[in-house]
Amino acid sequence: MGLNQVVASNLRKLRQEIGISQEELAGKCGLHRTYVGAIERSERNITLQTLEKLAVSLGVSPLDLLKENSDV
């Protein structure tokens, strides 16, 4: 599994676990909803800054979004 797919899977899993929509997550991060959706579909290569924004908004470490088969 590629790194984009790992981030996408972890992001979707964490977002759903805390029960927020892509739109709500995007608002917390200062990103657009369609951009968050594209990240979750592995369609975007994100910057470290975006990775950090997503992690902070989800209350996890950026490393948690990068771990394959993570139980985050």
PDB file of N, CA and C in Angstrom:
ATOM      1  N   MET A   1       0.851  -1.180   0.000  1.00  0.00           N
ATOM      2  CA  MET A   1       0.000   0.000   0.000  1.00  0.00           C
ATOM      3  C   MET A   1       0.895   1.241   0.000  1.00  0.00           C
ATOM      4  N   GLY A   2       0.603   2.180  -0.872  1.00  0.00           N
ATOM      5  CA  GLY A   2       1.377   3.410  -0.941  1.00  0.00           C
ATOM      6  C   GLY A   2       1.073   4.346   0.217  1.00  0.00           C
ATOM      7  N   LEU A   3       1.960   5.277   0.445  1.00  0.00           N
ATOM      8  CA  LEU A   3       1.812   6.205   1.562  1.00  0.00           C
ATOM      9  C   LEU A   3       0.532   7.039   1.451  1.00  0.00           C
ATOM     10  N   ASN A   4       0.170   7.461   0.232  1.00  0.00           N
ATOM     11  CA  ASN A   4      -1.082   8.212   0.059  1.00  0.00           C
ATOM     12  C   ASN A   4      -2.276   7.380   0.509  1.00  0.00           C
ATOM     13  N   GLN A   5      -2.243   6.098   0.190  1.00  0.00           N
ATOM     14  CA  GLN A   5      -3.344   5.212   0.569  1.00  0.00           C
ATOM     15  C   GLN A   5      -3.391   4.986   2.076  1.00  0.00           C
ATOM     16  N   VAL A   6      -2.222   4.903   2.702  1.00  0.00           N
ATOM     17  CA  VAL A   6      -2.160   4.737   4.155  1.00  0.00           C
ATOM     18  C   VAL A   6      -2.758   5.962   4.840  1.00  0.00           C
ATOM     19  N   VAL A   7      -2.338   7.135   4.408  1.00  0.00           N
ATOM     20  CA  VAL A   7      -2.864   8.377   4.996  1.00  0.00           C
ATOM     21  C   VAL A   7      -4.371   8.458   4.760  1.00  0.00           C
ATOM     22  N   ALA A   8      -4.809   8.148   3.552  1.00  0.00           N
ATOM     23  CA  ALA A   8      -6.234   8.205   3.219  1.00  0.00           C
ATOM     24  C   ALA A   8      -7.049   7.289   4.118  1.00  0.00           C
ATOM     25  N   SER A   9      -6.591   6.073   4.272  1.00  0.00           N
ATOM     26  CA  SER A   9      -7.303   5.083   5.093  1.00  0.00           C
ATOM     27  C   SER A   9      -7.356   5.512   6.560  1.00  0.00           C
ATOM     28  N   ASN A  10      -6.222   5.937   7.092  1.00  0.00           N
ATOM     29  CA  ASN A  10      -6.172   6.372   8.493  1.00  0.00           C
ATOM     30  C   ASN A  10      -7.014   7.622   8.723  1.00  0.00           C
ATOM     31  N   LEU A  11      -6.959   8.545   7.790  1.00  0.00           N
ATOM     32  CA  LEU A  11      -7.730   9.781   7.907  1.00  0.00           C
ATOM     33  C   LEU A  11      -9.222   9.476   7.944  1.00  0.00           C
ATOM     34  N   ARG A  12      -9.695   8.668   7.003  1.00  0.00           N
ATOM     35  CA  ARG A  12     -11.108   8.315   6.936  1.00  0.00           C
ATOM     36  C   ARG A  12     -11.548   7.583   8.212  1.00  0.00           C
ATOM     37  N   LYS A  13     -10.725   6.628   8.641  1.00  0.00           N
ATOM     38  CA  LYS A  13     -11.045   5.840   9.832  1.00  0.00           C
ATOM     39  C   LYS A  13     -11.162   6.739  11.070  1.00  0.00           C
ATOM     40  N   LEU A  14     -10.179   7.602  11.265  1.00  0.00           N
ATOM     41  CA  LEU A  14     -10.193   8.490  12.435  1.00  0.00           C
ATOM     42  C   LEU A  14     -11.353   9.478  12.387  1.00  0.00           C
ATOM     43  N   ARG A  15     -11.602  10.020  11.220  1.00  0.00           N
ATOM     44  CA  ARG A  15     -12.697  10.990  11.070  1.00  0.00           C
ATOM     45  C   ARG A  15     -14.035  10.329  11.397  1.00  0.00           C
ATOM     46  N   GLN A  16     -14.232   9.134  10.897  1.00  0.00           N
ATOM     47  CA  GLN A  16     -15.490   8.428  11.149  1.00  0.00           C
ATOM     48  C   GLN A  16     -15.609   8.014  12.616  1.00  0.00           C
ATOM     49  N   GLU A  17     -14.486   7.632  13.224  1.00  0.00           N
ATOM     50  CA  GLU A  17     -14.513   7.245  14.639  1.00  0.00           C
ATOM     51  C   GLU A  17     -14.956   8.379  15.552  1.00  0.00           C
ATOM     52  N   ILE A  18     -14.548   9.603  15.216  1.00  0.00           N
ATOM     53  CA  ILE A  18     -14.974  10.721  16.064  1.00  0.00           C
ATOM     54  C   ILE A  18     -16.302  11.316  15.601  1.00  0.00           C
ATOM     55  N   GLY A  19     -16.818  10.785  14.498  1.00  0.00           N
ATOM     56  CA  GLY A  19     -18.160  11.144  14.059  1.00  0.00           C
ATOM     57  C   GLY A  19     -18.312  12.514  13.446  1.00  0.00           C
ATOM     58  N   ILE A  20     -17.321  12.931  12.664  1.00  0.00           N
ATOM     59  CA  ILE A  20     -17.461  14.217  11.977  1.00  0.00           C
ATOM     60  C   ILE A  20     -17.428  13.990  10.467  1.00  0.00           C
ATOM     61  N   SER A  21     -18.042  14.909   9.753  1.00  0.00           N
ATOM     62  CA  SER A  21     -18.085  14.838   8.294  1.00  0.00           C
ATOM     63  C   SER A  21     -16.791  15.398   7.694  1.00  0.00           C
ATOM     64  N   GLN A  22     -16.619  15.153   6.416  1.00  0.00           N
ATOM     65  CA  GLN A  22     -15.473  15.745   5.711  1.00  0.00           C
ATOM     66  C   GLN A  22     -15.549  17.264   5.796  1.00  0.00           C
ATOM     67  N   GLU A  23     -16.746  17.785   5.696  1.00  0.00           N
ATOM     68  CA  GLU A  23     -16.928  19.237   5.760  1.00  0.00           C
ATOM     69  C   GLU A  23     -16.522  19.792   7.127  1.00  0.00           C
ATOM     70  N   GLU A  24     -16.902  19.095   8.199  1.00  0.00           N
ATOM     71  CA  GLU A  24     -16.523  19.545   9.539  1.00  0.00           C
ATOM     72  C   GLU A  24     -15.010  19.480   9.735  1.00  0.00           C
ATOM     73  N   LEU A  25     -14.398  18.393   9.269  1.00  0.00           N
ATOM     74  CA  LEU A  25     -12.941  18.280   9.377  1.00  0.00           C
ATOM     75  C   LEU A  25     -12.262  19.383   8.574  1.00  0.00           C
ATOM     76  N   ALA A  26     -12.739  19.615   7.376  1.00  0.00           N
ATOM     77  CA  ALA A  26     -12.166  20.663   6.532  1.00  0.00           C
ATOM     78  C   ALA A  26     -12.239  22.021   7.225  1.00  0.00           C
ATOM     79  N   GLY A  27     -13.365  22.311   7.860  1.00  0.00           N
ATOM     80  CA  GLY A  27     -13.525  23.575   8.567  1.00  0.00           C
ATOM     81  C   GLY A  27     -12.536  23.722   9.713  1.00  0.00           C
ATOM     82  N   LYS A  28     -12.310  22.615  10.441  1.00  0.00           N
ATOM     83  CA  LYS A  28     -11.353  22.657  11.549  1.00  0.00           C
ATOM     84  C   LYS A  28      -9.932  22.894  11.061  1.00  0.00           C
ATOM     85  N   CYS A  29      -9.631  22.411   9.851  1.00  0.00           N
ATOM     86  CA  CYS A  29      -8.272  22.502   9.303  1.00  0.00           C
ATOM     87  C   CYS A  29      -8.046  23.748   8.463  1.00  0.00           C
ATOM     88  N   GLY A  30      -9.126  24.402   8.080  1.00  0.00           N
ATOM     89  CA  GLY A  30      -8.988  25.539   7.170  1.00  0.00           C
ATOM     90  C   GLY A  30      -8.777  25.090   5.732  1.00  0.00           C
ATOM     91  N   LEU A  31      -9.319  23.903   5.405  1.00  0.00           N
ATOM     92  CA  LEU A  31      -9.204  23.353   4.052  1.00  0.00           C
ATOM     93  C   LEU A  31     -10.595  23.273   3.433  1.00  0.00           C
ATOM     94  N   HIS A  32     -10.649  23.017   2.140  1.00  0.00           N
ATOM     95  CA  HIS A  32     -11.936  22.863   1.457  1.00  0.00           C
ATOM     96  C   HIS A  32     -12.400  21.416   1.563  1.00  0.00           C
ATOM     97  N   ARG A  33     -13.714  21.213   1.667  1.00  0.00           N
ATOM     98  CA  ARG A  33     -14.278  19.875   1.810  1.00  0.00           C
ATOM     99  C   ARG A  33     -13.881  18.954   0.659  1.00  0.00           C
ATOM    100  N   THR A  34     -13.872  19.478  -0.553  1.00  0.00           N
ATOM    101  CA  THR A  34     -13.528  18.630  -1.697  1.00  0.00           C
ATOM    102  C   THR A  34     -12.058  18.205  -1.651  1.00  0.00           C
ATOM    103  N   TYR A  35     -11.215  19.036  -1.059  1.00  0.00           N
ATOM    104  CA  TYR A  35      -9.799  18.694  -0.912  1.00  0.00           C
ATOM    105  C   TYR A  35      -9.635  17.553   0.093  1.00  0.00           C
ATOM    106  N   VAL A  36     -10.360  17.629   1.202  1.00  0.00           N
ATOM    107  CA  VAL A  36     -10.319  16.551   2.194  1.00  0.00           C
ATOM    108  C   VAL A  36     -10.829  15.257   1.560  1.00  0.00           C
ATOM    109  N   GLY A  37     -11.889  15.341   0.780  1.00  0.00           N
ATOM    110  CA  GLY A  37     -12.412  14.161   0.088  1.00  0.00           C
ATOM    111  C   GLY A  37     -11.384  13.568  -0.867  1.00  0.00           C
ATOM    112  N   ALA A  38     -10.674  14.424  -1.576  1.00  0.00           N
ATOM    113  CA  ALA A  38      -9.641  13.956  -2.505  1.00  0.00           C
ATOM    114  C   ALA A  38      -8.488  13.285  -1.763  1.00  0.00           C
ATOM    115  N   ILE A  39      -8.158  13.787  -0.585  1.00  0.00           N
ATOM    116  CA  ILE A  39      -7.114  13.159   0.233  1.00  0.00           C
ATOM    117  C   ILE A  39      -7.582  11.772   0.657  1.00  0.00           C
ATOM    118  N   GLU A  40      -8.836  11.669   1.093  1.00  0.00           N
ATOM    119  CA  GLU A  40      -9.376  10.380   1.535  1.00  0.00           C
ATOM    120  C   GLU A  40      -9.488   9.375   0.390  1.00  0.00           C
ATOM    121  N   ARG A  41      -9.520   9.842  -0.834  1.00  0.00           N
ATOM    122  CA  ARG A  41      -9.566   8.947  -1.996  1.00  0.00           C
ATOM    123  C   ARG A  41      -8.174   8.722  -2.599  1.00  0.00           C
ATOM    124  N   SER A  42      -7.149   9.185  -1.922  1.00  0.00           N
ATOM    125  CA  SER A  42      -5.749   9.058  -2.374  1.00  0.00           C
ATOM    126  C   SER A  42      -5.495   9.766  -3.707  1.00  0.00           C
ATOM    127  N   GLU A  43      -6.216  10.820  -3.960  1.00  0.00           N
ATOM    128  CA  GLU A  43      -6.064  11.560  -5.213  1.00  0.00           C
ATOM    129  C   GLU A  43      -5.102  12.743  -5.089  1.00  0.00           C
ATOM    130  N   ARG A  44      -4.699  13.061  -3.884  1.00  0.00           N
ATOM    131  CA  ARG A  44      -3.829  14.222  -3.652  1.00  0.00           C
ATOM    132  C   ARG A  44      -2.568  13.828  -2.920  1.00  0.00           C
ATOM    133  N   ASN A  45      -1.478  14.455  -3.293  1.00  0.00           N
ATOM    134  CA  ASN A  45      -0.236  14.383  -2.531  1.00  0.00           C
ATOM    135  C   ASN A  45      -0.259  15.585  -1.597  1.00  0.00           C
ATOM    136  N   ILE A  46      -0.223  15.319  -0.302  1.00  0.00           N
ATOM    137  CA  ILE A  46      -0.334  16.426   0.644  1.00  0.00           C
ATOM    138  C   ILE A  46       1.035  16.831   1.181  1.00  0.00           C
ATOM    139  N   THR A  47       1.108  18.061   1.639  1.00  0.00           N
ATOM    140  CA  THR A  47       2.340  18.568   2.238  1.00  0.00           C
ATOM    141  C   THR A  47       2.403  18.142   3.699  1.00  0.00           C
ATOM    142  N   LEU A  48       3.566  18.272   4.280  1.00  0.00           N
ATOM    143  CA  LEU A  48       3.720  17.990   5.710  1.00  0.00           C
ATOM    144  C   LEU A  48       2.873  18.952   6.536  1.00  0.00           C
ATOM    145  N   GLN A  49       2.747  20.168   6.080  1.00  0.00           N
ATOM    146  CA  GLN A  49       1.932  21.164   6.777  1.00  0.00           C
ATOM    147  C   GLN A  49       0.466  20.726   6.805  1.00  0.00           C
ATOM    148  N   THR A  50      -0.035  20.206   5.686  1.00  0.00           N
ATOM    149  CA  THR A  50      -1.414  19.723   5.638  1.00  0.00           C
ATOM    150  C   THR A  50      -1.577  18.491   6.509  1.00  0.00           C
ATOM    151  N   LEU A  51      -0.600  17.597   6.492  1.00  0.00           N
ATOM    152  CA  LEU A  51      -0.629  16.413   7.343  1.00  0.00           C
ATOM    153  C   LEU A  51      -0.741  16.825   8.808  1.00  0.00           C
ATOM    154  N   GLU A  52       0.032  17.825   9.187  1.00  0.00           N
ATOM    155  CA  GLU A  52       0.006  18.307  10.568  1.00  0.00           C
ATOM    156  C   GLU A  52      -1.350  18.925  10.909  1.00  0.00           C
ATOM    157  N   LYS A  53      -1.915  19.723  10.014  1.00  0.00           N
ATOM    158  CA  LYS A  53      -3.226  20.328  10.251  1.00  0.00           C
ATOM    159  C   LYS A  53      -4.289  19.264  10.469  1.00  0.00           C
ATOM    160  N   LEU A  54      -4.266  18.233   9.630  1.00  0.00           N
ATOM    161  CA  LEU A  54      -5.242  17.155   9.754  1.00  0.00           C
ATOM    162  C   LEU A  54      -5.081  16.422  11.079  1.00  0.00           C
ATOM    163  N   ALA A  55      -3.850  16.105  11.418  1.00  0.00           N
ATOM    164  CA  ALA A  55      -3.582  15.378  12.662  1.00  0.00           C
ATOM    165  C   ALA A  55      -4.031  16.178  13.881  1.00  0.00           C
ATOM    166  N   VAL A  56      -3.681  17.448  13.929  1.00  0.00           N
ATOM    167  CA  VAL A  56      -4.067  18.303  15.063  1.00  0.00           C
ATOM    168  C   VAL A  56      -5.594  18.365  15.162  1.00  0.00           C
ATOM    169  N   SER A  57      -6.267  18.503  14.036  1.00  0.00           N
ATOM    170  CA  SER A  57      -7.722  18.587  14.037  1.00  0.00           C
ATOM    171  C   SER A  57      -8.385  17.297  14.497  1.00  0.00           C
ATOM    172  N   LEU A  58      -7.698  16.172  14.289  1.00  0.00           N
ATOM    173  CA  LEU A  58      -8.221  14.878  14.717  1.00  0.00           C
ATOM    174  C   LEU A  58      -7.747  14.495  16.118  1.00  0.00           C
ATOM    175  N   GLY A  59      -6.827  15.278  16.673  1.00  0.00           N
ATOM    176  CA  GLY A  59      -6.314  15.000  18.013  1.00  0.00           C
ATOM    177  C   GLY A  59      -5.333  13.851  18.077  1.00  0.00           C
ATOM    178  N   VAL A  60      -4.573  13.662  16.989  1.00  0.00           N
ATOM    179  CA  VAL A  60      -3.579  12.589  16.943  1.00  0.00           C
ATOM    180  C   VAL A  60      -2.239  13.154  16.491  1.00  0.00           C
ATOM    181  N   SER A  61      -1.214  12.330  16.558  1.00  0.00           N
ATOM    182  CA  SER A  61       0.103  12.707  16.065  1.00  0.00           C
ATOM    183  C   SER A  61       0.136  12.536  14.550  1.00  0.00           C
ATOM    184  N   PRO A  62       0.884  13.380  13.841  1.00  0.00           N
ATOM    185  CA  PRO A  62       1.038  13.166  12.399  1.00  0.00           C
ATOM    186  C   PRO A  62       1.533  11.755  12.078  1.00  0.00           C
ATOM    187  N   LEU A  63       2.352  11.197  12.956  1.00  0.00           N
ATOM    188  CA  LEU A  63       2.843   9.835  12.731  1.00  0.00           C
ATOM    189  C   LEU A  63       1.711   8.823  12.705  1.00  0.00           C
ATOM    190  N   ASP A  64       0.642   9.085  13.463  1.00  0.00           N
ATOM    191  CA  ASP A  64      -0.500   8.174  13.468  1.00  0.00           C
ATOM    192  C   ASP A  64      -1.169   8.084  12.102  1.00  0.00           C
ATOM    193  N   LEU A  65      -1.113   9.162  11.339  1.00  0.00           N
ATOM    194  CA  LEU A  65      -1.698   9.149  10.001  1.00  0.00           C
ATOM    195  C   LEU A  65      -0.801   8.437   8.995  1.00  0.00           C
ATOM    196  N   LEU A  66       0.465   8.250   9.338  1.00  0.00           N
ATOM    197  CA  LEU A  66       1.424   7.640   8.422  1.00  0.00           C
ATOM    198  C   LEU A  66       1.666   6.151   8.664  1.00  0.00           C
ATOM    199  N   LYS A  67       1.180   5.629   9.785  1.00  0.00           N
ATOM    200  CA  LYS A  67       1.424   4.232  10.136  1.00  0.00           C
ATOM    201  C   LYS A  67       0.512   3.291   9.365  1.00  0.00           C
ATOM    202  N   GLU A  68       1.116   2.353   8.656  1.00  0.00           N
ATOM    203  CA  GLU A  68       0.338   1.358   7.935  1.00  0.00           C
ATOM    204  C   GLU A  68      -0.275   0.375   8.916  1.00  0.00           C
ATOM    205  N   ASN A  69      -1.523  -0.027   8.639  1.00  0.00           N
ATOM    206  CA  ASN A  69      -2.268  -0.943   9.511  1.00  0.00           C
ATOM    207  C   ASN A  69      -2.346  -0.406  10.935  1.00  0.00           C
ATOM    208  N   SER A  70      -2.518   0.887  11.027  1.00  0.00           N
ATOM    209  CA  SER A  70      -2.567   1.559  12.333  1.00  0.00           C
ATOM    210  C   SER A  70      -3.884   1.281  13.025  1.00  0.00           C
ATOM    211  N   ASP A  71      -3.808   1.114  14.319  1.00  0.00           N
ATOM    212  CA  ASP A  71      -5.014   0.970  15.135  1.00  0.00           C
ATOM    213  C   ASP A  71      -5.311   2.274  15.850  1.00  0.00           C
ATOM    214  N   VAL A  72      -5.192   3.379  15.121  1.00  0.00           N
ATOM    215  CA  VAL A  72      -5.391   4.701  15.716  1.00  0.00           C
ATOM    216  C   VAL A  72      -6.832   4.952  16.042  1.00  0.00           C
TER     217      VAL A  72
END
